[in-house]
Amino acid sequence: MNDKPAPSELDMLRFLERVQERDLWRTRRWIEEAERREDEHARGQRERPPEPDWLIEMGLGGRSPVYVHVGGCHMAGKRSRGVERDQALRAVTEGVPACTHCRPDTELGVLE
């Protein structure tokens, strides 16, 4: 038989208080972590280098250019790199195809 008396109402309320304090502590840690992530994201956005005005997309292996893009073109692939205007102009005039979506040849003033 169990000779131990049942916990009193006060004992149960103190237990509940300890549980709630632990839960509150954990929730506050989650809030701190979320605030830290938001701060890091905002700092990353502020410190992001400016987008290049012109891109040259390289082929597989990175040996030869396959397209010229206006900076920020949604069609530019992962193998694109930022270049100066004169490099983009030279590439287009030397036969590197201009992206048909962002039309860098038009932006550069190259008439076909």
PDB file of N, CA and C in Angstrom:
ATOM      1  N   MET A   1       0.815  -1.176   0.000  1.00  0.00           N
ATOM      2  CA  MET A   1       0.000   0.000   0.000  1.00  0.00           C
ATOM      3  C   MET A   1       0.864   1.246   0.000  1.00  0.00           C
ATOM      4  N   ASN A   2       0.298   2.294  -0.532  1.00  0.00           N
ATOM      5  CA  ASN A   2       0.985   3.576  -0.610  1.00  0.00           C
ATOM      6  C   ASN A   2       0.546   4.437   0.573  1.00  0.00           C
ATOM      7  N   ASP A   3       1.490   4.706   1.489  1.00  0.00           N
ATOM      8  CA  ASP A   3       1.182   5.501   2.679  1.00  0.00           C
ATOM      9  C   ASP A   3       1.459   6.980   2.461  1.00  0.00           C
ATOM     10  N   LYS A   4       1.883   7.324   1.278  1.00  0.00           N
ATOM     11  CA  LYS A   4       2.244   8.715   0.982  1.00  0.00           C
ATOM     12  C   LYS A   4       0.968   9.523   0.755  1.00  0.00           C
ATOM     13  N   PRO A   5       0.840  10.680   1.430  1.00  0.00           N
ATOM     14  CA  PRO A   5      -0.383  11.485   1.239  1.00  0.00           C
ATOM     15  C   PRO A   5      -0.399  12.124  -0.155  1.00  0.00           C
ATOM     16  N   ALA A   6      -1.575  12.361  -0.663  1.00  0.00           N
ATOM     17  CA  ALA A   6      -1.730  13.023  -1.965  1.00  0.00           C
ATOM     18  C   ALA A   6      -1.188  14.446  -1.869  1.00  0.00           C
ATOM     19  N   PRO A   7      -0.595  14.963  -2.954  1.00  0.00           N
ATOM     20  CA  PRO A   7      -0.073  16.328  -2.914  1.00  0.00           C
ATOM     21  C   PRO A   7      -1.203  17.322  -2.660  1.00  0.00           C
ATOM     22  N   SER A   8      -0.861  18.333  -1.928  1.00  0.00           N
ATOM     23  CA  SER A   8      -1.856  19.366  -1.639  1.00  0.00           C
ATOM     24  C   SER A   8      -2.065  20.239  -2.863  1.00  0.00           C
ATOM     25  N   GLU A   9      -3.094  21.035  -2.814  1.00  0.00           N
ATOM     26  CA  GLU A   9      -3.366  21.973  -3.900  1.00  0.00           C
ATOM     27  C   GLU A   9      -2.181  22.927  -4.071  1.00  0.00           C
ATOM     28  N   LEU A  10      -1.619  23.377  -2.967  1.00  0.00           N
ATOM     29  CA  LEU A  10      -0.483  24.284  -3.008  1.00  0.00           C
ATOM     30  C   LEU A  10       0.733  23.617  -3.657  1.00  0.00           C
ATOM     31  N   ASP A  11       0.985  22.339  -3.324  1.00  0.00           N
ATOM     32  CA  ASP A  11       2.091  21.604  -3.941  1.00  0.00           C
ATOM     33  C   ASP A  11       1.892  21.506  -5.456  1.00  0.00           C
ATOM     34  N   MET A  12       0.671  21.231  -5.858  1.00  0.00           N
ATOM     35  CA  MET A  12       0.394  21.106  -7.296  1.00  0.00           C
ATOM     36  C   MET A  12       0.563  22.457  -8.005  1.00  0.00           C
ATOM     37  N   LEU A  13       0.132  23.527  -7.357  1.00  0.00           N
ATOM     38  CA  LEU A  13       0.283  24.848  -7.969  1.00  0.00           C
ATOM     39  C   LEU A  13       1.757  25.247  -8.081  1.00  0.00           C
ATOM     40  N   ARG A  14       2.576  24.901  -7.090  1.00  0.00           N
ATOM     41  CA  ARG A  14       4.009  25.199  -7.164  1.00  0.00           C
ATOM     42  C   ARG A  14       4.673  24.385  -8.272  1.00  0.00           C
ATOM     43  N   PHE A  15       4.246  23.136  -8.405  1.00  0.00           N
ATOM     44  CA  PHE A  15       4.761  22.318  -9.504  1.00  0.00           C
ATOM     45  C   PHE A  15       4.396  22.953 -10.847  1.00  0.00           C
ATOM     46  N   LEU A  16       3.158  23.360 -10.995  1.00  0.00           N
ATOM     47  CA  LEU A  16       2.706  24.013 -12.223  1.00  0.00           C
ATOM     48  C   LEU A  16       3.519  25.276 -12.491  1.00  0.00           C
ATOM     49  N   GLU A  17       3.789  26.036 -11.446  1.00  0.00           N
ATOM     50  CA  GLU A  17       4.577  27.256 -11.591  1.00  0.00           C
ATOM     51  C   GLU A  17       5.978  26.928 -12.142  1.00  0.00           C
ATOM     52  N   ARG A  18       6.634  25.891 -11.607  1.00  0.00           N
ATOM     53  CA  ARG A  18       7.964  25.500 -12.083  1.00  0.00           C
ATOM     54  C   ARG A  18       7.918  25.088 -13.558  1.00  0.00           C
ATOM     55  N   VAL A  19       6.900  24.343 -13.936  1.00  0.00           N
ATOM     56  CA  VAL A  19       6.751  23.929 -15.334  1.00  0.00           C
ATOM     57  C   VAL A  19       6.570  25.154 -16.228  1.00  0.00           C
ATOM     58  N   GLN A  20       5.727  26.068 -15.801  1.00  0.00           N
ATOM     59  CA  GLN A  20       5.472  27.254 -16.612  1.00  0.00           C
ATOM     60  C   GLN A  20       6.701  28.159 -16.696  1.00  0.00           C
ATOM     61  N   GLU A  21       7.469  28.266 -15.609  1.00  0.00           N
ATOM     62  CA  GLU A  21       8.706  29.051 -15.648  1.00  0.00           C
ATOM     63  C   GLU A  21       9.690  28.437 -16.645  1.00  0.00           C
ATOM     64  N   ARG A  22       9.807  27.130 -16.636  1.00  0.00           N
ATOM     65  CA  ARG A  22      10.689  26.451 -17.592  1.00  0.00           C
ATOM     66  C   ARG A  22      10.210  26.695 -19.024  1.00  0.00           C
ATOM     67  N   ASP A  23       8.912  26.596 -19.248  1.00  0.00           N
ATOM     68  CA  ASP A  23       8.371  26.843 -20.583  1.00  0.00           C
ATOM     69  C   ASP A  23       8.588  28.293 -21.006  1.00  0.00           C
ATOM     70  N   LEU A  24       8.420  29.230 -20.075  1.00  0.00           N
ATOM     71  CA  LEU A  24       8.643  30.643 -20.382  1.00  0.00           C
ATOM     72  C   LEU A  24      10.112  30.882 -20.720  1.00  0.00           C
ATOM     73  N   TRP A  25      11.017  30.281 -19.964  1.00  0.00           N
ATOM     74  CA  TRP A  25      12.449  30.410 -20.236  1.00  0.00           C
ATOM     75  C   TRP A  25      12.768  29.902 -21.643  1.00  0.00           C
ATOM     76  N   ARG A  26      12.225  28.727 -21.985  1.00  0.00           N
ATOM     77  CA  ARG A  26      12.460  28.144 -23.305  1.00  0.00           C
ATOM     78  C   ARG A  26      11.878  29.040 -24.399  1.00  0.00           C
ATOM     79  N   THR A  27      10.694  29.574 -24.212  1.00  0.00           N
ATOM     80  CA  THR A  27      10.074  30.467 -25.191  1.00  0.00           C
ATOM     81  C   THR A  27      10.918  31.724 -25.382  1.00  0.00           C
ATOM     82  N   ARG A  28      11.444  32.260 -24.289  1.00  0.00           N
ATOM     83  CA  ARG A  28      12.303  33.450 -24.394  1.00  0.00           C
ATOM     84  C   ARG A  28      13.580  33.128 -25.176  1.00  0.00           C
ATOM     85  N   ARG A  29      14.137  31.950 -25.014  1.00  0.00           N
ATOM     86  CA  ARG A  29      15.325  31.548 -25.803  1.00  0.00           C
ATOM     87  C   ARG A  29      14.953  31.465 -27.281  1.00  0.00           C
ATOM     88  N   TRP A  30      13.787  30.919 -27.594  1.00  0.00           N
ATOM     89  CA  TRP A  30      13.349  30.843 -28.991  1.00  0.00           C
ATOM     90  C   TRP A  30      13.204  32.243 -29.587  1.00  0.00           C
ATOM     91  N   ILE A  31      12.646  33.154 -28.798  1.00  0.00           N
ATOM     92  CA  ILE A  31      12.484  34.539 -29.262  1.00  0.00           C
ATOM     93  C   ILE A  31      13.855  35.158 -29.514  1.00  0.00           C
ATOM     94  N   GLU A  32      14.796  34.975 -28.584  1.00  0.00           N
ATOM     95  CA  GLU A  32      16.144  35.517 -28.771  1.00  0.00           C
ATOM     96  C   GLU A  32      16.794  34.961 -30.036  1.00  0.00           C
ATOM     97  N   GLU A  33      16.641  33.677 -30.271  1.00  0.00           N
ATOM     98  CA  GLU A  33      17.219  33.051 -31.462  1.00  0.00           C
ATOM     99  C   GLU A  33      16.572  33.602 -32.739  1.00  0.00           C
ATOM    100  N   ALA A  34      15.265  33.768 -32.725  1.00  0.00           N
ATOM    101  CA  ALA A  34      14.572  34.325 -33.896  1.00  0.00           C
ATOM    102  C   ALA A  34      15.012  35.762 -34.144  1.00  0.00           C
ATOM    103  N   GLU A  35      15.178  36.547 -33.082  1.00  0.00           N
ATOM    104  CA  GLU A  35      15.652  37.923 -33.235  1.00  0.00           C
ATOM    105  C   GLU A  35      17.072  37.946 -33.791  1.00  0.00           C
ATOM    106  N   ARG A  36      17.919  37.037 -33.336  1.00  0.00           N
ATOM    107  CA  ARG A  36      19.293  36.959 -33.835  1.00  0.00           C
ATOM    108  C   ARG A  36      19.310  36.631 -35.330  1.00  0.00           C
ATOM    109  N   ARG A  37      18.483  35.667 -35.738  1.00  0.00           N
ATOM    110  CA  ARG A  37      18.418  35.305 -37.163  1.00  0.00           C
ATOM    111  C   ARG A  37      17.936  36.479 -38.001  1.00  0.00           C
ATOM    112  N   GLU A  38      16.912  37.197 -37.513  1.00  0.00           N
ATOM    113  CA  GLU A  38      16.407  38.361 -38.250  1.00  0.00           C
ATOM    114  C   GLU A  38      17.464  39.444 -38.355  1.00  0.00           C
ATOM    115  N   ASP A  39      18.201  39.680 -37.265  1.00  0.00           N
ATOM    116  CA  ASP A  39      19.283  40.667 -37.299  1.00  0.00           C
ATOM    117  C   ASP A  39      20.367  40.274 -38.298  1.00  0.00           C
ATOM    118  N   GLU A  40      20.745  38.997 -38.300  1.00  0.00           N
ATOM    119  CA  GLU A  40      21.755  38.525 -39.250  1.00  0.00           C
ATOM    120  C   GLU A  40      21.271  38.691 -40.685  1.00  0.00           C
ATOM    121  N   HIS A  41      20.019  38.374 -40.924  1.00  0.00           N
ATOM    122  CA  HIS A  41      19.467  38.515 -42.276  1.00  0.00           C
ATOM    123  C   HIS A  41      19.474  39.980 -42.706  1.00  0.00           C
ATOM    124  N   ALA A  42      19.045  40.871 -41.817  1.00  0.00           N
ATOM    125  CA  ALA A  42      19.020  42.303 -42.137  1.00  0.00           C
ATOM    126  C   ALA A  42      20.436  42.819 -42.393  1.00  0.00           C
ATOM    127  N   ARG A  43      21.396  42.390 -41.574  1.00  0.00           N
ATOM    128  CA  ARG A  43      22.782  42.811 -41.779  1.00  0.00           C
ATOM    129  C   ARG A  43      23.304  42.294 -43.120  1.00  0.00           C
ATOM    130  N   GLY A  44      22.975  41.061 -43.447  1.00  0.00           N
ATOM    131  CA  GLY A  44      23.382  40.495 -44.740  1.00  0.00           C
ATOM    132  C   GLY A  44      22.801  41.277 -45.906  1.00  0.00           C
ATOM    133  N   GLN A  45      21.547  41.695 -45.787  1.00  0.00           N
ATOM    134  CA  GLN A  45      20.919  42.484 -46.842  1.00  0.00           C
ATOM    135  C   GLN A  45      21.602  43.846 -46.987  1.00  0.00           C
ATOM    136  N   ARG A  46      21.934  44.482 -45.847  1.00  0.00           N
ATOM    137  CA  ARG A  46      22.596  45.795 -45.882  1.00  0.00           C
ATOM    138  C   ARG A  46      24.004  45.697 -46.462  1.00  0.00           C
ATOM    139  N   GLU A  47      24.711  44.615 -46.146  1.00  0.00           N
ATOM    140  CA  GLU A  47      26.107  44.483 -46.551  1.00  0.00           C
ATOM    141  C   GLU A  47      26.286  43.765 -47.881  1.00  0.00           C
ATOM    142  N   ARG A  48      25.198  43.375 -48.509  1.00  0.00           N
ATOM    143  CA  ARG A  48      25.277  42.685 -49.795  1.00  0.00           C
ATOM    144  C   ARG A  48      25.914  43.620 -50.825  1.00  0.00           C
ATOM    145  N   PRO A  49      26.885  43.107 -51.580  1.00  0.00           N
ATOM    146  CA  PRO A  49      27.487  43.964 -52.599  1.00  0.00           C
ATOM    147  C   PRO A  49      26.459  44.329 -53.662  1.00  0.00           C
ATOM    148  N   PRO A  50      26.647  45.470 -54.311  1.00  0.00           N
ATOM    149  CA  PRO A  50      25.687  45.855 -55.340  1.00  0.00           C
ATOM    150  C   PRO A  50      25.695  44.860 -56.500  1.00  0.00           C
ATOM    151  N   GLU A  51      24.537  44.728 -57.103  1.00  0.00           N
ATOM    152  CA  GLU A  51      24.397  43.833 -58.245  1.00  0.00           C
ATOM    153  C   GLU A  51      25.166  44.410 -59.438  1.00  0.00           C
ATOM    154  N   PRO A  52      25.898  43.568 -60.171  1.00  0.00           N
ATOM    155  CA  PRO A  52      26.622  44.094 -61.331  1.00  0.00           C
ATOM    156  C   PRO A  52      25.646  44.549 -62.417  1.00  0.00           C
ATOM    157  N   ASP A  53      26.087  45.504 -63.225  1.00  0.00           N
ATOM    158  CA  ASP A  53      25.245  45.997 -64.311  1.00  0.00           C
ATOM    159  C   ASP A  53      25.180  45.010 -65.474  1.00  0.00           C
ATOM    160  N   TRP A  54      26.223  44.218 -65.634  1.00  0.00           N
ATOM    161  CA  TRP A  54      26.315  43.292 -66.765  1.00  0.00           C
ATOM    162  C   TRP A  54      26.829  41.950 -66.289  1.00  0.00           C
ATOM    163  N   LEU A  55      26.375  40.880 -66.930  1.00  0.00           N
ATOM    164  CA  LEU A  55      26.802  39.520 -66.594  1.00  0.00           C
ATOM    165  C   LEU A  55      27.218  38.790 -67.857  1.00  0.00           C
ATOM    166  N   ILE A  56      28.215  37.944 -67.702  1.00  0.00           N
ATOM    167  CA  ILE A  56      28.551  37.003 -68.767  1.00  0.00           C
ATOM    168  C   ILE A  56      28.374  35.617 -68.176  1.00  0.00           C
ATOM    169  N   GLU A  57      27.562  34.827 -68.832  1.00  0.00           N
ATOM    170  CA  GLU A  57      27.307  33.455 -68.387  1.00  0.00           C
ATOM    171  C   GLU A  57      28.265  32.541 -69.126  1.00  0.00           C
ATOM    172  N   MET A  58      28.988  31.761 -68.355  1.00  0.00           N
ATOM    173  CA  MET A  58      29.986  30.861 -68.931  1.00  0.00           C
ATOM    174  C   MET A  58      29.385  29.479 -69.147  1.00  0.00           C
ATOM    175  N   GLY A  59      29.940  28.759 -70.099  1.00  0.00           N
ATOM    176  CA  GLY A  59      29.497  27.399 -70.391  1.00  0.00           C
ATOM    177  C   GLY A  59      30.041  26.422 -69.363  1.00  0.00           C
ATOM    178  N   LEU A  60      29.707  25.160 -69.544  1.00  0.00           N
ATOM    179  CA  LEU A  60      30.217  24.123 -68.641  1.00  0.00           C
ATOM    180  C   LEU A  60      31.732  24.131 -68.694  1.00  0.00           C
ATOM    181  N   GLY A  61      32.352  24.015 -67.566  1.00  0.00           N
ATOM    182  CA  GLY A  61      33.807  24.065 -67.494  1.00  0.00           C
ATOM    183  C   GLY A  61      34.331  25.489 -67.421  1.00  0.00           C
ATOM    184  N   GLY A  62      33.485  26.474 -67.647  1.00  0.00           N
ATOM    185  CA  GLY A  62      33.862  27.874 -67.512  1.00  0.00           C
ATOM    186  C   GLY A  62      34.844  28.380 -68.549  1.00  0.00           C
ATOM    187  N   ARG A  63      34.941  27.715 -69.685  1.00  0.00           N
ATOM    188  CA  ARG A  63      35.940  28.101 -70.685  1.00  0.00           C
ATOM    189  C   ARG A  63      35.464  29.163 -71.659  1.00  0.00           C
ATOM    190  N   SER A  64      34.220  29.066 -72.059  1.00  0.00           N
ATOM    191  CA  SER A  64      33.756  30.022 -73.072  1.00  0.00           C
ATOM    192  C   SER A  64      32.405  30.614 -72.669  1.00  0.00           C
ATOM    193  N   PRO A  65      32.212  31.900 -72.990  1.00  0.00           N
ATOM    194  CA  PRO A  65      30.942  32.551 -72.655  1.00  0.00           C
ATOM    195  C   PRO A  65      29.823  32.042 -73.556  1.00  0.00           C
ATOM    196  N   VAL A  66      28.634  31.894 -72.973  1.00  0.00           N
ATOM    197  CA  VAL A  66      27.497  31.424 -73.755  1.00  0.00           C
ATOM    198  C   VAL A  66      26.403  32.479 -73.888  1.00  0.00           C
ATOM    199  N   TYR A  67      26.326  33.436 -72.945  1.00  0.00           N
ATOM    200  CA  TYR A  67      25.330  34.507 -73.023  1.00  0.00           C
ATOM    201  C   TYR A  67      25.856  35.750 -72.317  1.00  0.00           C
ATOM    202  N   VAL A  68      25.359  36.879 -72.774  1.00  0.00           N
ATOM    203  CA  VAL A  68      25.556  38.148 -72.080  1.00  0.00           C
ATOM    204  C   VAL A  68      24.188  38.546 -71.533  1.00  0.00           C
ATOM    205  N   HIS A  69      24.165  39.014 -70.294  1.00  0.00           N
ATOM    206  CA  HIS A  69      22.918  39.407 -69.639  1.00  0.00           C
ATOM    207  C   HIS A  69      23.051  40.804 -69.051  1.00  0.00           C
ATOM    208  N   VAL A  70      21.918  41.470 -68.885  1.00  0.00           N
ATOM    209  CA  VAL A  70      21.859  42.675 -68.068  1.00  0.00           C
ATOM    210  C   VAL A  70      21.877  42.193 -66.615  1.00  0.00           C
ATOM    211  N   GLY A  71      22.553  42.907 -65.735  1.00  0.00           N
ATOM    212  CA  GLY A  71      22.606  42.519 -64.327  1.00  0.00           C
ATOM    213  C   GLY A  71      21.205  42.345 -63.760  1.00  0.00           C
ATOM    214  N   GLY A  72      21.020  41.291 -62.986  1.00  0.00           N
ATOM    215  CA  GLY A  72      19.717  41.015 -62.389  1.00  0.00           C
ATOM    216  C   GLY A  72      18.780  40.201 -63.261  1.00  0.00           C
ATOM    217  N   CYS A  73      19.234  39.817 -64.441  1.00  0.00           N
ATOM    218  CA  CYS A  73      18.373  39.016 -65.325  1.00  0.00           C
ATOM    219  C   CYS A  73      18.030  37.691 -64.648  1.00  0.00           C
ATOM    220  N   HIS A  74      16.752  37.362 -64.634  1.00  0.00           N
ATOM    221  CA  HIS A  74      16.309  36.126 -63.988  1.00  0.00           C
ATOM    222  C   HIS A  74      16.738  34.871 -64.746  1.00  0.00           C
ATOM    223  N   MET A  75      17.176  35.043 -65.981  1.00  0.00           N
ATOM    224  CA  MET A  75      17.595  33.892 -66.781  1.00  0.00           C
ATOM    225  C   MET A  75      19.092  33.596 -66.647  1.00  0.00           C
ATOM    226  N   ALA A  76      19.835  34.477 -66.009  1.00  0.00           N
ATOM    227  CA  ALA A  76      21.272  34.257 -65.848  1.00  0.00           C
ATOM    228  C   ALA A  76      21.496  33.037 -64.960  1.00  0.00           C
ATOM    229  N   GLY A  77      22.358  32.149 -65.416  1.00  0.00           N
ATOM    230  CA  GLY A  77      22.633  30.925 -64.662  1.00  0.00           C
ATOM    231  C   GLY A  77      23.650  31.135 -63.557  1.00  0.00           C
ATOM    232  N   LYS A  78      23.912  30.075 -62.831  1.00  0.00           N
ATOM    233  CA  LYS A  78      24.841  30.132 -61.703  1.00  0.00           C
ATOM    234  C   LYS A  78      26.282  30.352 -62.154  1.00  0.00           C
ATOM    235  N   ARG A  79      26.569  30.082 -63.392  1.00  0.00           N
ATOM    236  CA  ARG A  79      27.937  30.261 -63.884  1.00  0.00           C
ATOM    237  C   ARG A  79      28.137  31.662 -64.455  1.00  0.00           C
ATOM    238  N   SER A  80      27.325  32.623 -64.037  1.00  0.00           N
ATOM    239  CA  SER A  80      27.437  34.003 -64.509  1.00  0.00           C
ATOM    240  C   SER A  80      28.356  34.792 -63.587  1.00  0.00           C
ATOM    241  N   ARG A  81      29.068  35.735 -64.178  1.00  0.00           N
ATOM    242  CA  ARG A  81      29.930  36.605 -63.383  1.00  0.00           C
ATOM    243  C   ARG A  81      29.730  38.040 -63.838  1.00  0.00           C
ATOM    244  N   GLY A  82      29.873  38.959 -62.915  1.00  0.00           N
ATOM    245  CA  GLY A  82      29.714  40.374 -63.217  1.00  0.00           C
ATOM    246  C   GLY A  82      30.883  40.892 -64.037  1.00  0.00           C
ATOM    247  N   VAL A  83      30.585  41.739 -65.006  1.00  0.00           N
ATOM    248  CA  VAL A  83      31.622  42.351 -65.843  1.00  0.00           C
ATOM    249  C   VAL A  83      31.304  43.830 -66.022  1.00  0.00           C
ATOM    250  N   GLU A  84      32.304  44.567 -66.476  1.00  0.00           N
ATOM    251  CA  GLU A  84      32.132  45.984 -66.793  1.00  0.00           C
ATOM    252  C   GLU A  84      31.417  46.119 -68.132  1.00  0.00           C
ATOM    253  N   ARG A  85      30.900  47.302 -68.385  1.00  0.00           N
ATOM    254  CA  ARG A  85      30.159  47.565 -69.625  1.00  0.00           C
ATOM    255  C   ARG A  85      31.005  47.262 -70.856  1.00  0.00           C
ATOM    256  N   ASP A  86      32.272  47.689 -70.860  1.00  0.00           N
ATOM    257  CA  ASP A  86      33.108  47.464 -72.042  1.00  0.00           C
ATOM    258  C   ASP A  86      33.329  45.980 -72.313  1.00  0.00           C
ATOM    259  N   GLN A  87      33.416  45.164 -71.278  1.00  0.00           N
ATOM    260  CA  GLN A  87      33.566  43.722 -71.465  1.00  0.00           C
ATOM    261  C   GLN A  87      32.288  43.116 -72.052  1.00  0.00           C
ATOM    262  N   ALA A  88      31.135  43.557 -71.546  1.00  0.00           N
ATOM    263  CA  ALA A  88      29.861  43.060 -72.073  1.00  0.00           C
ATOM    264  C   ALA A  88      29.698  43.478 -73.528  1.00  0.00           C
ATOM    265  N   LEU A  89      30.032  44.725 -73.840  1.00  0.00           N
ATOM    266  CA  LEU A  89      29.934  45.225 -75.215  1.00  0.00           C
ATOM    267  C   LEU A  89      30.854  44.443 -76.138  1.00  0.00           C
ATOM    268  N   ARG A  90      32.071  44.217 -75.705  1.00  0.00           N
ATOM    269  CA  ARG A  90      33.027  43.456 -76.518  1.00  0.00           C
ATOM    270  C   ARG A  90      32.508  42.041 -76.763  1.00  0.00           C
ATOM    271  N   ALA A  91      31.979  41.406 -75.730  1.00  0.00           N
ATOM    272  CA  ALA A  91      31.472  40.038 -75.879  1.00  0.00           C
ATOM    273  C   ALA A  91      30.346  39.985 -76.908  1.00  0.00           C
ATOM    274  N   VAL A  92      29.412  40.925 -76.831  1.00  0.00           N
ATOM    275  CA  VAL A  92      28.290  40.936 -77.788  1.00  0.00           C
ATOM    276  C   VAL A  92      28.798  41.185 -79.203  1.00  0.00           C
ATOM    277  N   THR A  93      29.699  42.132 -79.363  1.00  0.00           N
ATOM    278  CA  THR A  93      30.199  42.433 -80.715  1.00  0.00           C
ATOM    279  C   THR A  93      31.096  41.332 -81.253  1.00  0.00           C
ATOM    280  N   GLU A  94      31.644  40.494 -80.386  1.00  0.00           N
ATOM    281  CA  GLU A  94      32.478  39.373 -80.827  1.00  0.00           C
ATOM    282  C   GLU A  94      31.670  38.094 -81.014  1.00  0.00           C
ATOM    283  N   GLY A  95      30.340  38.180 -80.893  1.00  0.00           N
ATOM    284  CA  GLY A  95      29.494  37.043 -81.227  1.00  0.00           C
ATOM    285  C   GLY A  95      28.912  36.245 -80.084  1.00  0.00           C
ATOM    286  N   VAL A  96      29.155  36.663 -78.846  1.00  0.00           N
ATOM    287  CA  VAL A  96      28.510  35.966 -77.734  1.00  0.00           C
ATOM    288  C   VAL A  96      27.033  36.353 -77.767  1.00  0.00           C
ATOM    289  N   PRO A  97      26.133  35.375 -77.787  1.00  0.00           N
ATOM    290  CA  PRO A  97      24.713  35.695 -77.900  1.00  0.00           C
ATOM    291  C   PRO A  97      24.208  36.536 -76.728  1.00  0.00           C
ATOM    292  N   ALA A  98      23.340  37.472 -77.060  1.00  0.00           N
ATOM    293  CA  ALA A  98      22.671  38.279 -76.035  1.00  0.00           C
ATOM    294  C   ALA A  98      21.449  37.516 -75.553  1.00  0.00           C
ATOM    295  N   CYS A  99      21.191  37.576 -74.281  1.00  0.00           N
ATOM    296  CA  CYS A  99      20.008  36.933 -73.705  1.00  0.00           C
ATOM    297  C   CYS A  99      18.766  37.513 -74.372  1.00  0.00           C
ATOM    298  N   THR A 100      17.865  36.643 -74.757  1.00  0.00           N
ATOM    299  CA  THR A 100      16.649  37.104 -75.436  1.00  0.00           C
ATOM    300  C   THR A 100      15.601  37.629 -74.463  1.00  0.00           C
ATOM    301  N   HIS A 101      15.849  37.473 -73.166  1.00  0.00           N
ATOM    302  CA  HIS A 101      14.895  37.959 -72.169  1.00  0.00           C
ATOM    303  C   HIS A 101      15.221  39.380 -71.723  1.00  0.00           C
ATOM    304  N   CYS A 102      16.498  39.631 -71.408  1.00  0.00           N
ATOM    305  CA  CYS A 102      16.863  40.952 -70.877  1.00  0.00           C
ATOM    306  C   CYS A 102      17.441  41.875 -71.952  1.00  0.00           C
ATOM    307  N   ARG A 103      17.759  41.345 -73.111  1.00  0.00           N
ATOM    308  CA  ARG A 103      18.236  42.104 -74.284  1.00  0.00           C
ATOM    309  C   ARG A 103      19.381  43.076 -73.950  1.00  0.00           C
ATOM    310  N   PRO A 104      20.542  42.557 -73.507  1.00  0.00           N
ATOM    311  CA  PRO A 104      21.657  43.451 -73.219  1.00  0.00           C
ATOM    312  C   PRO A 104      22.188  44.154 -74.456  1.00  0.00           C
ATOM    313  N   ASP A 105      21.992  43.564 -75.626  1.00  0.00           N
ATOM    314  CA  ASP A 105      22.462  44.215 -76.849  1.00  0.00           C
ATOM    315  C   ASP A 105      21.726  45.528 -77.065  1.00  0.00           C
ATOM    316  N   THR A 106      20.447  45.564 -76.751  1.00  0.00           N
ATOM    317  CA  THR A 106      19.677  46.799 -76.856  1.00  0.00           C
ATOM    318  C   THR A 106      20.160  47.803 -75.821  1.00  0.00           C
ATOM    319  N   GLU A 107      20.351  47.351 -74.587  1.00  0.00           N
ATOM    320  CA  GLU A 107      20.839  48.217 -73.507  1.00  0.00           C
ATOM    321  C   GLU A 107      22.221  48.787 -73.822  1.00  0.00           C
ATOM    322  N   LEU A 108      23.034  47.981 -74.510  1.00  0.00           N
ATOM    323  CA  LEU A 108      24.396  48.407 -74.855  1.00  0.00           C
ATOM    324  C   LEU A 108      24.422  49.274 -76.111  1.00  0.00           C
ATOM    325  N   GLY A 109      23.315  49.349 -76.831  1.00  0.00           N
ATOM    326  CA  GLY A 109      23.253  50.153 -78.043  1.00  0.00           C
ATOM    327  C   GLY A 109      23.791  49.448 -79.270  1.00  0.00           C
ATOM    328  N   VAL A 110      23.858  48.132 -79.226  1.00  0.00           N
ATOM    329  CA  VAL A 110      24.350  47.353 -80.371  1.00  0.00           C
ATOM    330  C   VAL A 110      23.159  47.047 -81.269  1.00  0.00           C
ATOM    331  N   LEU A 111      23.245  47.479 -82.517  1.00  0.00           N
ATOM    332  CA  LEU A 111      22.169  47.201 -83.483  1.00  0.00           C
ATOM    333  C   LEU A 111      22.577  46.048 -84.360  1.00  0.00           C
ATOM    334  N   GLU A 112      21.675  45.138 -84.585  1.00  0.00           N
ATOM    335  CA  GLU A 112      21.965  43.981 -85.423  1.00  0.00           C
ATOM    336  C   GLU A 112      21.571  44.265 -86.851  1.00  0.00           C
TER     337      GLU A 112
END
